[in-house]
Amino acid sequence: MGRNGRKNCKRNKKRFNINEKGLDGFLKAIKYFPWCIILNYEFERNNDKILLRVRNCLPQIARIRSGRGEFPCKNMHLKEFKAFFGTLHG
């Protein structure tokens, strides 16, 4: 997952000419991240923290409907976002 975060960050920085760093740069660049667009992620900035909300996760809804249960994706996406953020500063 980290590789995907790094790759997307590099692409977004270049394509959308994003030079900001820190949380401002992260919020500017992450809005072009594919999952953010597909699932309509909501980000809320509060000083030095960002709150992420996913109100309707279509893959999770499909898993639950098919009887497979909820997938514990939080750690996977945290790794992806950390790699994205780290690449923003690289």
N, C-alpha and C. Protein backbone atom coordinates (compact mmCIF):
# COMPACT_ATOMS: atom_id res chain seq x y z
N MET A 1 0.80 -1.20 0.00
CA MET A 1 0.00 0.00 0.00
C MET A 1 0.85 1.26 0.00
N GLY A 2 1.99 1.20 0.67
CA GLY A 2 2.85 2.37 0.69
C GLY A 2 3.32 2.78 -0.69
N ARG A 3 3.58 1.77 -1.51
CA ARG A 3 4.04 2.05 -2.87
C ARG A 3 2.98 2.81 -3.66
N ASN A 4 1.73 2.42 -3.49
CA ASN A 4 0.63 3.09 -4.18
C ASN A 4 0.51 4.54 -3.72
N GLY A 5 0.65 4.78 -2.43
CA GLY A 5 0.60 6.14 -1.89
C GLY A 5 1.71 7.01 -2.45
N ARG A 6 2.93 6.46 -2.48
CA ARG A 6 4.07 7.22 -3.02
C ARG A 6 3.88 7.54 -4.49
N LYS A 7 3.45 6.54 -5.26
CA LYS A 7 3.27 6.72 -6.70
C LYS A 7 2.22 7.79 -6.99
N ASN A 8 1.10 7.72 -6.29
CA ASN A 8 0.05 8.69 -6.53
C ASN A 8 0.44 10.09 -6.09
N CYS A 9 1.19 10.20 -5.02
CA CYS A 9 1.63 11.51 -4.56
C CYS A 9 2.56 12.15 -5.59
N LYS A 10 3.52 11.40 -6.09
CA LYS A 10 4.44 11.93 -7.09
C LYS A 10 3.69 12.40 -8.33
N ARG A 11 2.74 11.58 -8.77
CA ARG A 11 1.96 11.92 -9.96
C ARG A 11 1.13 13.19 -9.72
N ASN A 12 0.48 13.27 -8.57
CA ASN A 12 -0.38 14.42 -8.28
C ASN A 12 0.44 15.70 -8.13
N LYS A 13 1.60 15.61 -7.47
CA LYS A 13 2.46 16.79 -7.32
C LYS A 13 2.85 17.36 -8.68
N LYS A 14 3.23 16.47 -9.57
CA LYS A 14 3.67 16.90 -10.89
C LYS A 14 2.50 17.39 -11.75
N ARG A 15 1.46 16.60 -11.83
CA ARG A 15 0.33 16.92 -12.71
C ARG A 15 -0.39 18.20 -12.30
N PHE A 16 -0.53 18.42 -10.99
CA PHE A 16 -1.31 19.55 -10.50
C PHE A 16 -0.43 20.66 -9.91
N ASN A 17 0.88 20.56 -10.15
CA ASN A 17 1.84 21.57 -9.73
C ASN A 17 1.68 21.94 -8.25
N ILE A 18 1.75 20.94 -7.41
CA ILE A 18 1.58 21.13 -5.98
C ILE A 18 2.96 21.23 -5.33
N ASN A 19 3.21 22.38 -4.73
CA ASN A 19 4.51 22.63 -4.09
C ASN A 19 4.41 22.79 -2.59
N GLU A 20 3.19 22.93 -2.08
CA GLU A 20 3.00 23.10 -0.64
C GLU A 20 3.42 21.83 0.10
N LYS A 21 3.84 22.03 1.32
CA LYS A 21 4.22 20.91 2.18
C LYS A 21 3.29 20.91 3.38
N GLY A 22 3.51 19.97 4.29
CA GLY A 22 2.71 19.90 5.50
C GLY A 22 1.27 19.52 5.22
N LEU A 23 0.41 19.83 6.15
CA LEU A 23 -0.99 19.44 6.03
C LEU A 23 -1.69 20.17 4.89
N ASP A 24 -1.30 21.40 4.62
CA ASP A 24 -1.91 22.13 3.51
C ASP A 24 -1.60 21.44 2.18
N GLY A 25 -0.36 21.04 2.00
CA GLY A 25 0.02 20.33 0.78
C GLY A 25 -0.67 18.98 0.69
N PHE A 26 -0.74 18.29 1.83
CA PHE A 26 -1.41 16.99 1.86
C PHE A 26 -2.87 17.12 1.42
N LEU A 27 -3.58 18.09 1.98
CA LEU A 27 -5.00 18.26 1.64
C LEU A 27 -5.18 18.65 0.18
N LYS A 28 -4.25 19.43 -0.34
CA LYS A 28 -4.35 19.84 -1.75
C LYS A 28 -4.09 18.65 -2.67
N ALA A 29 -3.09 17.83 -2.34
CA ALA A 29 -2.71 16.72 -3.22
C ALA A 29 -3.62 15.50 -3.07
N ILE A 30 -4.10 15.25 -1.87
CA ILE A 30 -4.86 14.02 -1.62
C ILE A 30 -6.23 14.05 -2.30
N LYS A 31 -6.74 15.23 -2.59
CA LYS A 31 -8.07 15.30 -3.20
C LYS A 31 -8.09 14.68 -4.61
N TYR A 32 -6.91 14.48 -5.19
CA TYR A 32 -6.82 13.83 -6.50
C TYR A 32 -6.50 12.34 -6.40
N PHE A 33 -6.39 11.83 -5.19
CA PHE A 33 -6.10 10.42 -4.95
C PHE A 33 -7.33 9.61 -5.39
N PRO A 34 -7.16 8.56 -6.19
CA PRO A 34 -8.31 7.85 -6.74
C PRO A 34 -9.38 7.43 -5.73
N TRP A 35 -8.97 6.86 -4.59
CA TRP A 35 -9.99 6.42 -3.62
C TRP A 35 -10.74 7.60 -3.03
N CYS A 36 -10.09 8.74 -2.91
CA CYS A 36 -10.76 9.93 -2.38
C CYS A 36 -11.86 10.39 -3.32
N ILE A 37 -11.61 10.25 -4.58
CA ILE A 37 -12.61 10.65 -5.58
C ILE A 37 -13.73 9.62 -5.65
N ILE A 38 -13.38 8.35 -5.73
CA ILE A 38 -14.37 7.28 -5.88
C ILE A 38 -15.32 7.22 -4.69
N LEU A 39 -14.76 7.33 -3.47
CA LEU A 39 -15.58 7.15 -2.26
C LEU A 39 -15.96 8.47 -1.60
N ASN A 40 -15.61 9.58 -2.23
CA ASN A 40 -16.00 10.89 -1.72
C ASN A 40 -15.54 11.09 -0.27
N TYR A 41 -14.26 10.87 -0.02
CA TYR A 41 -13.71 11.08 1.32
C TYR A 41 -13.95 12.52 1.76
N GLU A 42 -14.20 12.69 3.03
CA GLU A 42 -14.35 14.02 3.60
C GLU A 42 -13.19 14.27 4.57
N PHE A 43 -12.50 15.39 4.39
CA PHE A 43 -11.39 15.76 5.25
C PHE A 43 -11.75 17.01 6.02
N GLU A 44 -11.44 16.99 7.31
CA GLU A 44 -11.67 18.15 8.16
C GLU A 44 -10.36 18.50 8.85
N ARG A 45 -9.92 19.72 8.67
CA ARG A 45 -8.66 20.19 9.27
C ARG A 45 -8.96 20.87 10.59
N ASN A 46 -8.21 20.49 11.61
CA ASN A 46 -8.33 21.09 12.93
C ASN A 46 -6.91 21.32 13.47
N ASN A 47 -6.40 22.52 13.25
CA ASN A 47 -5.04 22.89 13.65
C ASN A 47 -4.02 21.93 13.04
N ASP A 48 -3.40 21.07 13.84
CA ASP A 48 -2.34 20.19 13.34
C ASP A 48 -2.83 18.76 13.12
N LYS A 49 -4.14 18.59 12.94
CA LYS A 49 -4.72 17.27 12.71
C LYS A 49 -5.70 17.31 11.56
N ILE A 50 -5.86 16.15 10.93
CA ILE A 50 -6.85 16.00 9.88
C ILE A 50 -7.75 14.82 10.24
N LEU A 51 -9.03 15.04 10.15
CA LEU A 51 -10.01 13.98 10.38
C LEU A 51 -10.54 13.53 9.02
N LEU A 52 -10.52 12.23 8.80
CA LEU A 52 -11.02 11.65 7.55
C LEU A 52 -12.32 10.93 7.84
N ARG A 53 -13.32 11.20 7.01
CA ARG A 53 -14.61 10.50 7.13
C ARG A 53 -14.92 9.82 5.81
N VAL A 54 -15.35 8.58 5.92
CA VAL A 54 -15.84 7.84 4.76
C VAL A 54 -17.26 7.43 5.12
N ARG A 55 -18.22 8.14 4.57
CA ARG A 55 -19.62 7.92 4.95
C ARG A 55 -20.21 6.67 4.29
N ASN A 56 -19.82 6.41 3.06
CA ASN A 56 -20.32 5.25 2.33
C ASN A 56 -19.19 4.59 1.57
N CYS A 57 -18.72 3.47 2.08
CA CYS A 57 -17.64 2.74 1.41
C CYS A 57 -18.27 1.61 0.60
N LEU A 58 -18.29 1.78 -0.70
CA LEU A 58 -18.96 0.81 -1.57
C LEU A 58 -18.35 -0.59 -1.48
N PRO A 59 -17.02 -0.73 -1.40
CA PRO A 59 -16.48 -2.09 -1.24
C PRO A 59 -16.94 -2.75 0.06
N GLN A 60 -16.99 -1.98 1.15
CA GLN A 60 -17.45 -2.55 2.42
C GLN A 60 -18.93 -2.94 2.34
N ILE A 61 -19.73 -2.10 1.74
CA ILE A 61 -21.15 -2.39 1.58
C ILE A 61 -21.33 -3.69 0.79
N ALA A 62 -20.57 -3.84 -0.29
CA ALA A 62 -20.65 -5.05 -1.12
C ALA A 62 -20.21 -6.29 -0.32
N ARG A 63 -19.15 -6.16 0.47
CA ARG A 63 -18.68 -7.29 1.29
C ARG A 63 -19.75 -7.73 2.28
N ILE A 64 -20.35 -6.77 2.95
CA ILE A 64 -21.36 -7.08 3.96
C ILE A 64 -22.59 -7.73 3.30
N ARG A 65 -23.01 -7.18 2.17
CA ARG A 65 -24.16 -7.75 1.45
C ARG A 65 -23.91 -9.19 1.02
N SER A 66 -22.68 -9.48 0.66
CA SER A 66 -22.36 -10.84 0.18
C SER A 66 -22.04 -11.80 1.32
N GLY A 67 -22.12 -11.30 2.56
CA GLY A 67 -21.90 -12.17 3.71
C GLY A 67 -20.45 -12.36 4.12
N ARG A 68 -19.54 -11.59 3.54
CA ARG A 68 -18.12 -11.74 3.87
C ARG A 68 -17.70 -10.91 5.07
N GLY A 69 -18.53 -10.05 5.55
CA GLY A 69 -18.20 -9.22 6.70
C GLY A 69 -17.35 -8.03 6.33
N GLU A 70 -17.13 -7.18 7.32
CA GLU A 70 -16.37 -5.96 7.10
C GLU A 70 -14.87 -6.25 7.06
N PHE A 71 -14.18 -5.62 6.13
CA PHE A 71 -12.73 -5.75 6.00
C PHE A 71 -12.07 -4.69 6.86
N PRO A 72 -11.09 -5.07 7.70
CA PRO A 72 -10.41 -4.08 8.56
C PRO A 72 -9.38 -3.28 7.76
N CYS A 73 -9.83 -2.26 7.06
CA CYS A 73 -8.98 -1.54 6.12
C CYS A 73 -8.25 -0.34 6.73
N LYS A 74 -8.55 0.03 7.96
CA LYS A 74 -7.98 1.25 8.54
C LYS A 74 -6.45 1.24 8.50
N ASN A 75 -5.81 0.19 8.97
CA ASN A 75 -4.35 0.15 9.00
C ASN A 75 -3.74 0.20 7.61
N MET A 76 -4.41 -0.46 6.66
CA MET A 76 -3.93 -0.46 5.28
C MET A 76 -3.92 0.96 4.73
N HIS A 77 -5.01 1.70 4.94
CA HIS A 77 -5.09 3.06 4.41
C HIS A 77 -4.20 4.02 5.19
N LEU A 78 -3.99 3.78 6.47
CA LEU A 78 -3.05 4.62 7.23
C LEU A 78 -1.65 4.51 6.64
N LYS A 79 -1.23 3.30 6.29
CA LYS A 79 0.08 3.12 5.66
C LYS A 79 0.15 3.88 4.34
N GLU A 80 -0.92 3.80 3.59
CA GLU A 80 -0.98 4.47 2.29
C GLU A 80 -0.88 5.99 2.46
N PHE A 81 -1.63 6.54 3.40
CA PHE A 81 -1.61 7.98 3.63
C PHE A 81 -0.27 8.44 4.20
N LYS A 82 0.35 7.64 5.06
CA LYS A 82 1.66 8.00 5.60
C LYS A 82 2.70 8.04 4.49
N ALA A 83 2.64 7.07 3.59
CA ALA A 83 3.57 7.07 2.45
C ALA A 83 3.31 8.27 1.55
N PHE A 84 2.06 8.59 1.34
CA PHE A 84 1.68 9.75 0.52
C PHE A 84 2.26 11.02 1.15
N PHE A 85 2.04 11.20 2.45
CA PHE A 85 2.51 12.38 3.16
C PHE A 85 4.04 12.47 3.14
N GLY A 86 4.70 11.33 3.38
CA GLY A 86 6.15 11.29 3.36
C GLY A 86 6.72 11.66 2.00
N THR A 87 6.08 11.21 0.95
CA THR A 87 6.53 11.50 -0.41
C THR A 87 6.32 12.98 -0.75
N LEU A 88 5.32 13.56 -0.19
CA LEU A 88 5.04 14.98 -0.40
C LEU A 88 6.23 15.83 0.04
N HIS A 89 6.95 15.36 1.05
CA HIS A 89 8.08 16.09 1.60
C HIS A 89 9.42 15.65 1.04
N GLY A 90 9.40 14.61 0.19
CA GLY A 90 10.65 14.07 -0.34
C GLY A 90 11.15 14.78 -1.55
